[in-house]
């Protein structure tokens, strides 16, 4: 089994406003992610609350919020790559 990883883990994350998070990755790159498309949907319903959204931080290689809300590490990396285009 290959240990090849096609994404970078998030090592720092900070909410910039009620929809955007700046994520820094293990390779030193950074991106501003627009997460407005997921706010209010399914497990991310609480992210509609700006005060809750702004509690974003990095843990376990991804972006997390209280109450076990997070994004898959691969999703964060894919969004960062799209933001760079």
C-alpha atoms as a PDB file:
ATOM      1  CA  UNK A   1       0.000   0.000   0.000  1.00  0.00           C
ATOM      2  CA  UNK A   2       1.366   3.394  -0.981  1.00  0.00           C
ATOM      3  CA  UNK A   3       1.721   6.148   1.591  1.00  0.00           C
ATOM      4  CA  UNK A   4       1.529   8.786  -1.155  1.00  0.00           C
ATOM      5  CA  UNK A   5      -0.598  11.679   0.006  1.00  0.00           C
ATOM      6  CA  UNK A   6      -2.260  13.922  -2.561  1.00  0.00           C
ATOM      7  CA  UNK A   7      -3.194  16.706  -0.161  1.00  0.00           C
ATOM      8  CA  UNK A   8      -1.557  18.919   2.446  1.00  0.00           C
ATOM      9  CA  UNK A   9      -2.792  18.996   6.017  1.00  0.00           C
ATOM     10  CA  UNK A  10      -4.025  22.249   7.504  1.00  0.00           C
ATOM     11  CA  UNK A  11      -1.731  23.462  10.297  1.00  0.00           C
ATOM     12  CA  UNK A  12      -3.398  26.827  11.006  1.00  0.00           C
ATOM     13  CA  UNK A  13      -6.833  28.273  10.342  1.00  0.00           C
ATOM     14  CA  UNK A  14      -8.427  31.593  11.145  1.00  0.00           C
ATOM     15  CA  UNK A  15     -11.872  32.945  10.301  1.00  0.00           C
ATOM     16  CA  UNK A  16     -11.572  36.245   8.456  1.00  0.00           C
ATOM     17  CA  UNK A  17     -15.300  37.004   8.509  1.00  0.00           C
ATOM     18  CA  UNK A  18     -18.559  35.034   8.654  1.00  0.00           C
ATOM     19  CA  UNK A  19     -17.847  33.057   5.442  1.00  0.00           C
ATOM     20  CA  UNK A  20     -14.089  32.972   4.827  1.00  0.00           C
ATOM     21  CA  UNK A  21     -11.281  31.081   6.532  1.00  0.00           C
ATOM     22  CA  UNK A  22      -7.582  31.521   5.905  1.00  0.00           C
ATOM     23  CA  UNK A  23      -5.929  28.097   5.966  1.00  0.00           C
ATOM     24  CA  UNK A  24      -2.187  27.479   6.168  1.00  0.00           C
ATOM     25  CA  UNK A  25      -0.847  24.102   5.077  1.00  0.00           C
ATOM     26  CA  UNK A  26       2.086  21.949   6.116  1.00  0.00           C
ATOM     27  CA  UNK A  27       4.009  22.892   2.962  1.00  0.00           C
ATOM     28  CA  UNK A  28       3.830  26.584   3.917  1.00  0.00           C
ATOM     29  CA  UNK A  29       1.203  27.576   1.373  1.00  0.00           C
ATOM     30  CA  UNK A  30      -1.943  29.421   2.418  1.00  0.00           C
ATOM     31  CA  UNK A  31      -5.343  30.127   0.899  1.00  0.00           C
ATOM     32  CA  UNK A  32      -8.502  32.004   1.711  1.00  0.00           C
ATOM     33  CA  UNK A  33     -11.460  29.648   1.480  1.00  0.00           C
ATOM     34  CA  UNK A  34     -15.021  30.784   0.811  1.00  0.00           C
ATOM     35  CA  UNK A  35     -17.250  28.411   2.770  1.00  0.00           C
ATOM     36  CA  UNK A  36     -20.529  30.241   2.160  1.00  0.00           C
ATOM     37  CA  UNK A  37     -21.796  27.341   0.021  1.00  0.00           C
ATOM     38  CA  UNK A  38     -21.860  24.872   2.922  1.00  0.00           C
ATOM     39  CA  UNK A  39     -23.156  27.127   5.690  1.00  0.00           C
ATOM     40  CA  UNK A  40     -26.563  26.007   6.870  1.00  0.00           C
ATOM     41  CA  UNK A  41     -26.417  22.623   5.156  1.00  0.00           C
ATOM     42  CA  UNK A  42     -26.572  19.355   7.068  1.00  0.00           C
ATOM     43  CA  UNK A  43     -23.806  19.043   9.645  1.00  0.00           C
ATOM     44  CA  UNK A  44     -22.680  22.623   8.953  1.00  0.00           C
ATOM     45  CA  UNK A  45     -25.993  24.264   9.969  1.00  0.00           C
ATOM     46  CA  UNK A  46     -24.391  25.970  12.978  1.00  0.00           C
ATOM     47  CA  UNK A  47     -21.937  27.767  10.703  1.00  0.00           C
ATOM     48  CA  UNK A  48     -24.728  30.201   9.796  1.00  0.00           C
ATOM     49  CA  UNK A  49     -24.125  31.866  13.161  1.00  0.00           C
ATOM     50  CA  UNK A  50     -21.252  34.327  12.540  1.00  0.00           C
ATOM     51  CA  UNK A  51     -19.999  34.050  16.131  1.00  0.00           C
ATOM     52  CA  UNK A  52     -19.860  30.268  15.821  1.00  0.00           C
ATOM     53  CA  UNK A  53     -18.233  30.365  12.371  1.00  0.00           C
ATOM     54  CA  UNK A  54     -15.491  32.640  13.677  1.00  0.00           C
ATOM     55  CA  UNK A  55     -14.436  29.929  16.156  1.00  0.00           C
ATOM     56  CA  UNK A  56     -12.780  28.026  13.298  1.00  0.00           C
ATOM     57  CA  UNK A  57      -9.315  26.671  14.018  1.00  0.00           C
ATOM     58  CA  UNK A  58      -6.953  23.941  12.848  1.00  0.00           C
ATOM     59  CA  UNK A  59      -6.844  20.507  14.463  1.00  0.00           C
ATOM     60  CA  UNK A  60      -6.307  16.970  13.204  1.00  0.00           C
ATOM     61  CA  UNK A  61      -4.950  18.324   9.902  1.00  0.00           C
ATOM     62  CA  UNK A  62      -8.116  20.184   8.939  1.00  0.00           C
ATOM     63  CA  UNK A  63     -10.443  23.060   9.816  1.00  0.00           C
ATOM     64  CA  UNK A  64     -12.662  22.401  12.826  1.00  0.00           C
ATOM     65  CA  UNK A  65     -15.298  24.115  14.942  1.00  0.00           C
ATOM     66  CA  UNK A  66     -16.747  23.203  18.337  1.00  0.00           C
ATOM     67  CA  UNK A  67     -19.317  20.417  18.610  1.00  0.00           C
ATOM     68  CA  UNK A  68     -17.366  18.106  16.305  1.00  0.00           C
ATOM     69  CA  UNK A  69     -17.996  20.123  13.151  1.00  0.00           C
ATOM     70  CA  UNK A  70     -15.207  19.894  10.582  1.00  0.00           C
ATOM     71  CA  UNK A  71     -14.281  19.541   6.944  1.00  0.00           C
ATOM     72  CA  UNK A  72     -12.448  16.577   5.475  1.00  0.00           C
ATOM     73  CA  UNK A  73      -8.734  17.446   5.105  1.00  0.00           C
ATOM     74  CA  UNK A  74      -8.904  16.543   1.422  1.00  0.00           C
ATOM     75  CA  UNK A  75     -11.829  18.936   0.910  1.00  0.00           C
ATOM     76  CA  UNK A  76      -9.907  21.811   2.481  1.00  0.00           C
ATOM     77  CA  UNK A  77      -6.957  21.153   0.152  1.00  0.00           C
ATOM     78  CA  UNK A  78      -9.178  20.879  -2.949  1.00  0.00           C
ATOM     79  CA  UNK A  79     -10.885  24.164  -2.068  1.00  0.00           C
ATOM     80  CA  UNK A  80      -7.471  25.790  -1.586  1.00  0.00           C
ATOM     81  CA  UNK A  81      -6.359  24.637  -5.020  1.00  0.00           C
ATOM     82  CA  UNK A  82      -9.535  26.035  -6.593  1.00  0.00           C
ATOM     83  CA  UNK A  83      -9.073  29.346  -4.742  1.00  0.00           C
ATOM     84  CA  UNK A  84      -5.574  29.630  -6.218  1.00  0.00           C
ATOM     85  CA  UNK A  85      -6.930  29.534  -9.795  1.00  0.00           C
END
